[in-house]
């Protein structure tokens, strides 16, 4: 095999491997639309976000549950000991009352993993201020 063909194969396979994890992480733009439609009635996010019917969600990925000071969390959430990793948030978004029995969050959950990934990608664009 000549060097050009080998290099082309390496680059093509490498690009394919790199593209797969990125797409598995979700589409932040689609997640923003989903957040607006399904979450913004209770949660705020962004520069001027504050607690509403639910806590503000800036920097939620990596944050300890019930750790913002401007929201009155349920006893169940306070005692959960959860740190919101992507995986734990994905499970919570899918079935909140299964992950934190006794949570006050009134939400039926999202079963579509692609939508959950999109929502998480969007949330990750808002770090802790």
Protein backbone atom coordinates (compact mmCIF):
# COMPACT_ATOMS: atom_id res chain seq x y z
CA UNK A 1 0.00 0.00 0.00
CA UNK A 2 1.28 3.42 -0.76
CA UNK A 3 1.66 6.11 1.92
CA UNK A 4 -1.15 8.29 0.53
CA UNK A 5 -3.70 5.48 0.74
CA UNK A 6 -2.61 4.55 4.27
CA UNK A 7 -2.80 8.18 5.40
CA UNK A 8 -6.26 8.58 3.82
CA UNK A 9 -7.53 5.48 5.64
CA UNK A 10 -6.08 6.63 8.97
CA UNK A 11 -7.63 10.10 8.65
CA UNK A 12 -10.99 8.75 7.53
CA UNK A 13 -11.20 6.19 10.33
CA UNK A 14 -9.94 8.70 12.87
CA UNK A 15 -12.55 11.27 11.84
CA UNK A 16 -15.26 8.64 12.15
CA UNK A 17 -14.14 7.66 15.63
CA UNK A 18 -14.03 11.27 16.75
CA UNK A 19 -17.47 12.05 15.35
CA UNK A 20 -19.25 9.25 17.19
CA UNK A 21 -18.71 10.44 20.79
CA UNK A 22 -19.55 14.03 19.90
CA UNK A 23 -22.90 13.05 18.43
CA UNK A 24 -23.58 10.84 21.46
CA UNK A 25 -23.14 13.91 23.69
CA UNK A 26 -26.16 15.68 22.21
CA UNK A 27 -27.10 18.77 20.23
CA UNK A 28 -27.13 21.88 22.44
CA UNK A 29 -29.30 23.84 20.00
CA UNK A 30 -31.98 21.14 19.99
CA UNK A 31 -31.60 20.91 23.77
CA UNK A 32 -32.25 24.65 24.08
CA UNK A 33 -35.51 24.30 22.21
CA UNK A 34 -36.49 21.36 24.38
CA UNK A 35 -35.57 23.29 27.56
CA UNK A 36 -37.71 26.22 26.49
CA UNK A 37 -40.67 23.94 25.78
CA UNK A 38 -40.44 21.53 28.72
CA UNK A 39 -38.34 23.06 31.50
CA UNK A 40 -38.49 26.86 31.41
CA UNK A 41 -41.90 26.97 33.07
CA UNK A 42 -40.17 26.04 36.34
CA UNK A 43 -36.41 26.50 35.80
CA UNK A 44 -34.28 29.43 34.68
CA UNK A 45 -30.82 29.32 33.16
CA UNK A 46 -28.42 31.98 31.96
CA UNK A 47 -26.83 35.14 33.26
CA UNK A 48 -29.83 36.49 35.19
CA UNK A 49 -31.25 33.11 36.28
CA UNK A 50 -32.70 32.72 39.74
CA UNK A 51 -34.88 30.18 41.51
CA UNK A 52 -38.45 30.07 40.28
CA UNK A 53 -40.79 27.09 40.80
CA UNK A 54 -37.58 25.05 40.57
CA UNK A 55 -33.92 25.91 41.15
CA UNK A 56 -31.87 27.78 38.56
CA UNK A 57 -29.75 25.36 36.55
CA UNK A 58 -26.49 27.21 35.83
CA UNK A 59 -23.61 24.83 36.46
CA UNK A 60 -25.91 21.95 37.35
CA UNK A 61 -23.60 19.35 35.75
CA UNK A 62 -21.07 18.57 38.48
CA UNK A 63 -23.02 20.37 41.20
CA UNK A 64 -24.15 18.75 44.45
CA UNK A 65 -27.93 18.34 44.62
CA UNK A 66 -29.77 20.93 46.73
CA UNK A 67 -26.70 23.19 46.93
CA UNK A 68 -28.01 26.49 45.56
CA UNK A 69 -28.99 28.90 48.31
CA UNK A 70 -31.97 30.58 46.64
CA UNK A 71 -34.33 27.60 46.50
CA UNK A 72 -36.21 25.60 49.15
CA UNK A 73 -35.40 21.97 48.28
CA UNK A 74 -37.35 18.96 49.49
CA UNK A 75 -35.90 16.98 52.38
CA UNK A 76 -35.50 14.07 49.94
CA UNK A 77 -33.32 16.15 47.62
CA UNK A 78 -31.29 17.59 50.51
CA UNK A 79 -30.54 14.14 51.90
CA UNK A 80 -29.92 12.47 48.51
CA UNK A 81 -26.15 13.07 48.51
CA UNK A 82 -26.25 13.23 44.71
CA UNK A 83 -23.62 14.99 42.63
CA UNK A 84 -25.20 15.73 39.26
CA UNK A 85 -23.00 13.89 36.76
CA UNK A 86 -24.28 13.55 33.18
CA UNK A 87 -25.29 9.98 33.95
CA UNK A 88 -27.16 10.84 37.15
CA UNK A 89 -28.90 13.81 35.49
CA UNK A 90 -29.89 11.61 32.54
CA UNK A 91 -31.46 9.10 34.93
CA UNK A 92 -33.22 11.91 36.84
CA UNK A 93 -34.58 13.52 33.67
CA UNK A 94 -35.90 10.12 32.61
CA UNK A 95 -37.53 9.25 35.96
CA UNK A 96 -37.18 11.93 38.67
CA UNK A 97 -39.18 10.12 41.35
CA UNK A 98 -37.20 6.92 40.85
CA UNK A 99 -33.84 8.65 41.32
CA UNK A 100 -35.01 10.84 44.24
CA UNK A 101 -38.13 9.37 45.84
CA UNK A 102 -39.91 12.24 47.56
CA UNK A 103 -38.70 14.94 45.17
CA UNK A 104 -41.17 17.78 44.67
CA UNK A 105 -40.35 18.01 40.98
CA UNK A 106 -43.58 17.51 39.08
CA UNK A 107 -42.38 16.04 35.81
CA UNK A 108 -43.27 12.79 34.09
CA UNK A 109 -39.78 12.35 32.59
CA UNK A 110 -38.34 11.98 29.11
CA UNK A 111 -37.74 8.47 27.78
CA UNK A 112 -36.00 9.45 24.51
CA UNK A 113 -32.22 9.20 25.15
CA UNK A 114 -31.42 11.52 22.23
CA UNK A 115 -33.58 14.25 23.75
CA UNK A 116 -31.96 13.73 27.14
CA UNK A 117 -28.49 14.02 25.55
CA UNK A 118 -29.58 17.20 23.74
CA UNK A 119 -30.91 18.70 26.97
CA UNK A 120 -27.71 17.84 28.84
CA UNK A 121 -25.59 19.36 26.05
CA UNK A 122 -27.60 22.57 26.42
CA UNK A 123 -27.30 22.61 30.22
CA UNK A 124 -23.53 22.16 29.94
CA UNK A 125 -23.26 25.43 28.00
CA UNK A 126 -24.19 27.31 31.21
CA UNK A 127 -21.40 27.00 33.78
CA UNK A 128 -21.68 28.20 37.36
CA UNK A 129 -21.48 32.01 37.28
